[in-house]
Amino acid sequence: MLRYKGYSGYVVFDDEAMIFHGEVMGLRDVVTFRGTNPEELKEEFERSIDGYLVWCQELGQEPERPFSGDIHLRIQPDLHARLFIEAKNSGTSINTYINQALKRAVG
């Protein structure tokens, strides 16, 4: 994964075209980049982010900031109750309990 100025990008290799291409994650706007080798790919990723920021400035709008950490989640009421009980028994808030569980789940 590539990172630059708080933005992250994922990369895929197209073995038919023999090129790497990627997209900046977490934005409604589509920001893409491509390159033929890792150095070029990283440079194009950074150039795409910089271009996106300039474009937003020219439009007079704030650029999107990916992954604010604010997730709205719908779960079944019985699961909500069980999470609340487990968090209470652990001496933490439900938010902290879920954060810890998610960290364990993804490593």
N, C-alpha and C. Protein backbone atom coordinates (compact mmCIF):
# COMPACT_ATOMS: atom_id res chain seq x y z
N MET A 1 0.84 -1.17 0.00
CA MET A 1 0.00 0.00 0.00
C MET A 1 0.89 1.24 0.00
N LEU A 2 0.49 2.21 -0.78
CA LEU A 2 1.22 3.48 -0.84
C LEU A 2 0.56 4.49 0.08
N ARG A 3 1.38 5.36 0.70
CA ARG A 3 0.86 6.41 1.58
C ARG A 3 1.59 7.72 1.27
N TYR A 4 0.79 8.81 1.28
CA TYR A 4 1.35 10.13 1.00
C TYR A 4 0.35 11.19 1.47
N LYS A 5 0.81 12.11 2.31
CA LYS A 5 -0.01 13.22 2.81
C LYS A 5 -1.33 12.76 3.42
N GLY A 6 -1.30 11.61 4.08
CA GLY A 6 -2.50 11.10 4.74
C GLY A 6 -3.41 10.27 3.84
N TYR A 7 -3.06 10.15 2.58
CA TYR A 7 -3.85 9.37 1.64
C TYR A 7 -3.19 8.00 1.42
N SER A 8 -4.01 7.02 1.08
CA SER A 8 -3.50 5.66 0.81
C SER A 8 -3.97 5.22 -0.56
N GLY A 9 -3.13 4.45 -1.21
CA GLY A 9 -3.49 3.92 -2.52
C GLY A 9 -3.21 2.44 -2.60
N TYR A 10 -4.05 1.74 -3.33
CA TYR A 10 -3.80 0.32 -3.56
C TYR A 10 -3.39 0.13 -5.02
N VAL A 11 -2.66 -0.93 -5.25
CA VAL A 11 -2.07 -1.16 -6.57
C VAL A 11 -2.42 -2.56 -7.07
N VAL A 12 -2.66 -2.65 -8.37
CA VAL A 12 -2.92 -3.92 -9.04
C VAL A 12 -1.97 -4.01 -10.23
N PHE A 13 -1.48 -5.21 -10.51
CA PHE A 13 -0.62 -5.41 -11.67
C PHE A 13 -1.44 -6.04 -12.79
N ASP A 14 -1.43 -5.41 -13.96
CA ASP A 14 -2.10 -5.93 -15.15
C ASP A 14 -1.05 -6.66 -15.97
N ASP A 15 -1.09 -7.99 -15.93
CA ASP A 15 -0.05 -8.77 -16.61
C ASP A 15 -0.21 -8.78 -18.13
N GLU A 16 -1.36 -8.40 -18.64
CA GLU A 16 -1.52 -8.30 -20.09
C GLU A 16 -0.90 -7.01 -20.61
N ALA A 17 -1.16 -5.90 -19.94
CA ALA A 17 -0.61 -4.61 -20.35
C ALA A 17 0.79 -4.38 -19.77
N MET A 18 1.18 -5.24 -18.82
CA MET A 18 2.49 -5.13 -18.15
C MET A 18 2.66 -3.75 -17.50
N ILE A 19 1.62 -3.38 -16.72
CA ILE A 19 1.65 -2.09 -16.05
C ILE A 19 0.97 -2.21 -14.69
N PHE A 20 1.45 -1.42 -13.76
CA PHE A 20 0.81 -1.30 -12.45
C PHE A 20 -0.18 -0.15 -12.53
N HIS A 21 -1.34 -0.32 -11.94
CA HIS A 21 -2.27 0.80 -11.83
C HIS A 21 -2.91 0.76 -10.46
N GLY A 22 -3.32 1.92 -10.00
CA GLY A 22 -3.90 1.99 -8.67
C GLY A 22 -4.90 3.11 -8.54
N GLU A 23 -5.48 3.16 -7.35
CA GLU A 23 -6.48 4.17 -7.04
C GLU A 23 -6.30 4.59 -5.59
N VAL A 24 -6.56 5.86 -5.33
CA VAL A 24 -6.52 6.37 -3.97
C VAL A 24 -7.79 5.88 -3.28
N MET A 25 -7.64 5.33 -2.09
CA MET A 25 -8.76 4.74 -1.37
C MET A 25 -9.44 5.76 -0.46
N GLY A 26 -10.72 5.54 -0.24
CA GLY A 26 -11.45 6.31 0.75
C GLY A 26 -12.00 7.63 0.27
N LEU A 27 -12.03 7.86 -1.04
CA LEU A 27 -12.55 9.12 -1.58
C LEU A 27 -13.76 8.84 -2.45
N ARG A 28 -14.69 9.79 -2.47
CA ARG A 28 -15.79 9.70 -3.44
C ARG A 28 -15.26 10.09 -4.82
N ASP A 29 -14.34 11.07 -4.84
CA ASP A 29 -13.68 11.43 -6.10
C ASP A 29 -12.78 10.28 -6.52
N VAL A 30 -12.61 10.10 -7.81
CA VAL A 30 -11.75 9.03 -8.31
C VAL A 30 -10.39 9.62 -8.66
N VAL A 31 -9.36 9.13 -7.96
CA VAL A 31 -7.99 9.57 -8.20
C VAL A 31 -7.18 8.31 -8.50
N THR A 32 -6.66 8.23 -9.73
CA THR A 32 -5.94 7.04 -10.16
C THR A 32 -4.49 7.39 -10.52
N PHE A 33 -3.70 6.35 -10.70
CA PHE A 33 -2.29 6.51 -11.08
C PHE A 33 -1.82 5.20 -11.68
N ARG A 34 -0.70 5.28 -12.42
CA ARG A 34 -0.14 4.05 -12.99
C ARG A 34 1.34 4.24 -13.27
N GLY A 35 2.02 3.12 -13.42
CA GLY A 35 3.45 3.17 -13.70
C GLY A 35 3.94 1.80 -14.13
N THR A 36 5.13 1.79 -14.71
CA THR A 36 5.69 0.54 -15.21
C THR A 36 6.67 -0.12 -14.23
N ASN A 37 7.03 0.62 -13.18
CA ASN A 37 7.92 0.06 -12.17
C ASN A 37 7.59 0.72 -10.82
N PRO A 38 8.09 0.16 -9.73
CA PRO A 38 7.73 0.71 -8.42
C PRO A 38 8.07 2.19 -8.23
N GLU A 39 9.22 2.62 -8.73
CA GLU A 39 9.61 4.02 -8.57
C GLU A 39 8.65 4.94 -9.31
N GLU A 40 8.34 4.59 -10.55
CA GLU A 40 7.42 5.40 -11.35
C GLU A 40 6.02 5.39 -10.73
N LEU A 41 5.61 4.25 -10.22
CA LEU A 41 4.30 4.12 -9.60
C LEU A 41 4.18 5.04 -8.39
N LYS A 42 5.19 5.04 -7.54
CA LYS A 42 5.19 5.89 -6.34
C LYS A 42 5.17 7.37 -6.74
N GLU A 43 5.97 7.71 -7.72
CA GLU A 43 6.01 9.10 -8.20
C GLU A 43 4.67 9.53 -8.75
N GLU A 44 4.03 8.68 -9.53
CA GLU A 44 2.72 9.01 -10.12
C GLU A 44 1.64 9.07 -9.05
N PHE A 45 1.73 8.22 -8.05
CA PHE A 45 0.79 8.27 -6.93
C PHE A 45 0.87 9.63 -6.24
N GLU A 46 2.08 10.05 -5.92
CA GLU A 46 2.27 11.34 -5.26
C GLU A 46 1.84 12.50 -6.16
N ARG A 47 2.13 12.40 -7.44
CA ARG A 47 1.72 13.43 -8.40
C ARG A 47 0.19 13.51 -8.48
N SER A 48 -0.47 12.37 -8.44
CA SER A 48 -1.94 12.34 -8.48
C SER A 48 -2.54 12.99 -7.25
N ILE A 49 -1.96 12.72 -6.08
CA ILE A 49 -2.45 13.34 -4.84
C ILE A 49 -2.26 14.85 -4.92
N ASP A 50 -1.05 15.28 -5.30
CA ASP A 50 -0.78 16.71 -5.41
C ASP A 50 -1.72 17.37 -6.42
N GLY A 51 -1.97 16.70 -7.54
CA GLY A 51 -2.89 17.22 -8.54
C GLY A 51 -4.31 17.33 -8.01
N TYR A 52 -4.72 16.34 -7.25
CA TYR A 52 -6.05 16.36 -6.64
C TYR A 52 -6.19 17.54 -5.69
N LEU A 53 -5.17 17.78 -4.88
CA LEU A 53 -5.21 18.89 -3.93
C LEU A 53 -5.26 20.25 -4.65
N VAL A 54 -4.50 20.39 -5.73
CA VAL A 54 -4.52 21.63 -6.52
C VAL A 54 -5.90 21.80 -7.17
N TRP A 55 -6.43 20.73 -7.71
CA TRP A 55 -7.75 20.77 -8.36
C TRP A 55 -8.82 21.24 -7.38
N CYS A 56 -8.79 20.69 -6.16
CA CYS A 56 -9.76 21.11 -5.14
C CYS A 56 -9.59 22.59 -4.80
N GLN A 57 -8.35 23.03 -4.70
CA GLN A 57 -8.07 24.43 -4.39
C GLN A 57 -8.61 25.33 -5.50
N GLU A 58 -8.39 24.94 -6.75
CA GLU A 58 -8.88 25.73 -7.88
C GLU A 58 -10.40 25.83 -7.88
N LEU A 59 -11.07 24.77 -7.44
CA LEU A 59 -12.53 24.75 -7.36
C LEU A 59 -13.06 25.45 -6.12
N GLY A 60 -12.14 25.78 -5.21
CA GLY A 60 -12.54 26.43 -3.96
C GLY A 60 -13.24 25.49 -3.00
N GLN A 61 -12.91 24.22 -3.08
CA GLN A 61 -13.54 23.25 -2.17
C GLN A 61 -12.47 22.53 -1.34
N GLU A 62 -12.89 22.06 -0.18
CA GLU A 62 -11.99 21.31 0.68
C GLU A 62 -11.79 19.91 0.10
N PRO A 63 -10.56 19.44 0.02
CA PRO A 63 -10.34 18.07 -0.45
C PRO A 63 -10.88 17.07 0.58
N GLU A 64 -11.34 15.96 0.08
CA GLU A 64 -11.80 14.91 0.98
C GLU A 64 -10.62 14.37 1.77
N ARG A 65 -10.86 14.05 3.00
CA ARG A 65 -9.86 13.39 3.84
C ARG A 65 -10.33 11.97 4.07
N PRO A 66 -9.56 11.01 3.62
CA PRO A 66 -10.00 9.62 3.71
C PRO A 66 -9.97 9.09 5.13
N PHE A 67 -10.84 8.16 5.40
CA PHE A 67 -10.83 7.38 6.62
C PHE A 67 -10.78 8.24 7.87
N SER A 68 -11.88 8.91 8.13
CA SER A 68 -11.98 9.77 9.30
C SER A 68 -11.99 8.98 10.60
N GLY A 69 -12.29 7.68 10.52
CA GLY A 69 -12.40 6.88 11.72
C GLY A 69 -13.82 6.85 12.26
N ASP A 70 -14.73 7.53 11.58
CA ASP A 70 -16.12 7.58 12.00
C ASP A 70 -16.91 6.61 11.12
N ILE A 71 -17.34 5.49 11.71
CA ILE A 71 -18.10 4.48 10.98
C ILE A 71 -19.47 4.35 11.63
N HIS A 72 -20.49 4.42 10.82
CA HIS A 72 -21.85 4.19 11.31
C HIS A 72 -22.22 2.76 10.94
N LEU A 73 -22.54 1.99 11.95
CA LEU A 73 -22.71 0.55 11.78
C LEU A 73 -24.08 0.13 12.29
N ARG A 74 -24.77 -0.69 11.52
CA ARG A 74 -26.05 -1.23 11.96
C ARG A 74 -25.84 -2.71 12.31
N ILE A 75 -26.25 -3.07 13.51
CA ILE A 75 -26.12 -4.46 13.95
C ILE A 75 -27.44 -4.90 14.58
N GLN A 76 -27.60 -6.19 14.74
CA GLN A 76 -28.81 -6.73 15.35
C GLN A 76 -28.87 -6.32 16.82
N PRO A 77 -30.06 -6.03 17.32
CA PRO A 77 -30.19 -5.59 18.71
C PRO A 77 -29.60 -6.57 19.73
N ASP A 78 -29.75 -7.88 19.50
CA ASP A 78 -29.20 -8.84 20.46
C ASP A 78 -27.67 -8.81 20.47
N LEU A 79 -27.05 -8.58 19.31
CA LEU A 79 -25.59 -8.44 19.26
C LEU A 79 -25.16 -7.16 19.97
N HIS A 80 -25.90 -6.10 19.77
CA HIS A 80 -25.61 -4.82 20.45
C HIS A 80 -25.64 -5.02 21.96
N ALA A 81 -26.65 -5.72 22.44
CA ALA A 81 -26.77 -5.98 23.88
C ALA A 81 -25.60 -6.82 24.39
N ARG A 82 -25.23 -7.86 23.64
CA ARG A 82 -24.11 -8.72 24.06
C ARG A 82 -22.81 -7.94 24.07
N LEU A 83 -22.59 -7.07 23.07
CA LEU A 83 -21.38 -6.24 23.05
C LEU A 83 -21.35 -5.30 24.25
N PHE A 84 -22.49 -4.72 24.56
CA PHE A 84 -22.56 -3.82 25.71
C PHE A 84 -22.18 -4.56 26.99
N ILE A 85 -22.72 -5.75 27.17
CA ILE A 85 -22.43 -6.54 28.37
C ILE A 85 -20.96 -6.91 28.44
N GLU A 86 -20.39 -7.35 27.33
CA GLU A 86 -18.97 -7.72 27.30
C GLU A 86 -18.09 -6.51 27.59
N ALA A 87 -18.43 -5.36 27.03
CA ALA A 87 -17.66 -4.15 27.28
C ALA A 87 -17.75 -3.77 28.75
N LYS A 88 -18.95 -3.83 29.31
CA LYS A 88 -19.14 -3.49 30.72
C LYS A 88 -18.34 -4.43 31.62
N ASN A 89 -18.37 -5.73 31.30
CA ASN A 89 -17.60 -6.71 32.08
C ASN A 89 -16.10 -6.51 31.95
N SER A 90 -15.67 -5.93 30.83
CA SER A 90 -14.24 -5.65 30.62
C SER A 90 -13.82 -4.31 31.22
N GLY A 91 -14.79 -3.55 31.69
CA GLY A 91 -14.49 -2.25 32.28
C GLY A 91 -14.17 -1.18 31.25
N THR A 92 -14.68 -1.34 30.03
CA THR A 92 -14.43 -0.36 28.98
C THR A 92 -15.75 0.09 28.37
N SER A 93 -15.66 1.10 27.53
CA SER A 93 -16.85 1.53 26.79
C SER A 93 -17.07 0.56 25.64
N ILE A 94 -18.27 0.58 25.09
CA ILE A 94 -18.56 -0.28 23.95
C ILE A 94 -17.68 0.09 22.76
N ASN A 95 -17.41 1.39 22.58
CA ASN A 95 -16.55 1.85 21.49
C ASN A 95 -15.14 1.27 21.63
N THR A 96 -14.57 1.36 22.83
CA THR A 96 -13.23 0.82 23.07
C THR A 96 -13.22 -0.68 22.88
N TYR A 97 -14.24 -1.36 23.37
CA TYR A 97 -14.32 -2.82 23.24
C TYR A 97 -14.35 -3.24 21.77
N ILE A 98 -15.18 -2.56 20.97
CA ILE A 98 -15.27 -2.90 19.54
C ILE A 98 -13.96 -2.57 18.83
N ASN A 99 -13.33 -1.43 19.16
CA ASN A 99 -12.03 -1.08 18.57
C ASN A 99 -11.00 -2.17 18.85
N GLN A 100 -10.94 -2.64 20.08
CA GLN A 100 -9.98 -3.69 20.44
C GLN A 100 -10.27 -4.98 19.70
N ALA A 101 -11.54 -5.33 19.58
CA ALA A 101 -11.92 -6.55 18.87
C ALA A 101 -11.56 -6.46 17.38
N LEU A 102 -11.78 -5.30 16.79
CA LEU A 102 -11.44 -5.13 15.38
C LEU A 102 -9.94 -5.17 15.16
N LYS A 103 -9.17 -4.57 16.06
CA LYS A 103 -7.70 -4.62 15.95
C LYS A 103 -7.21 -6.06 16.01
N ARG A 104 -7.79 -6.86 16.92
CA ARG A 104 -7.39 -8.26 17.01
C ARG A 104 -7.77 -9.00 15.71
N ALA A 105 -8.91 -8.67 15.15
CA ALA A 105 -9.40 -9.36 13.96
C ALA A 105 -8.53 -9.10 12.73
N VAL A 106 -8.01 -7.88 12.60
CA VAL A 106 -7.23 -7.55 11.40
C VAL A 106 -5.73 -7.58 11.64
N GLY A 107 -5.32 -7.83 12.86
CA GLY A 107 -3.88 -7.92 13.16
C GLY A 107 -3.29 -6.60 13.38
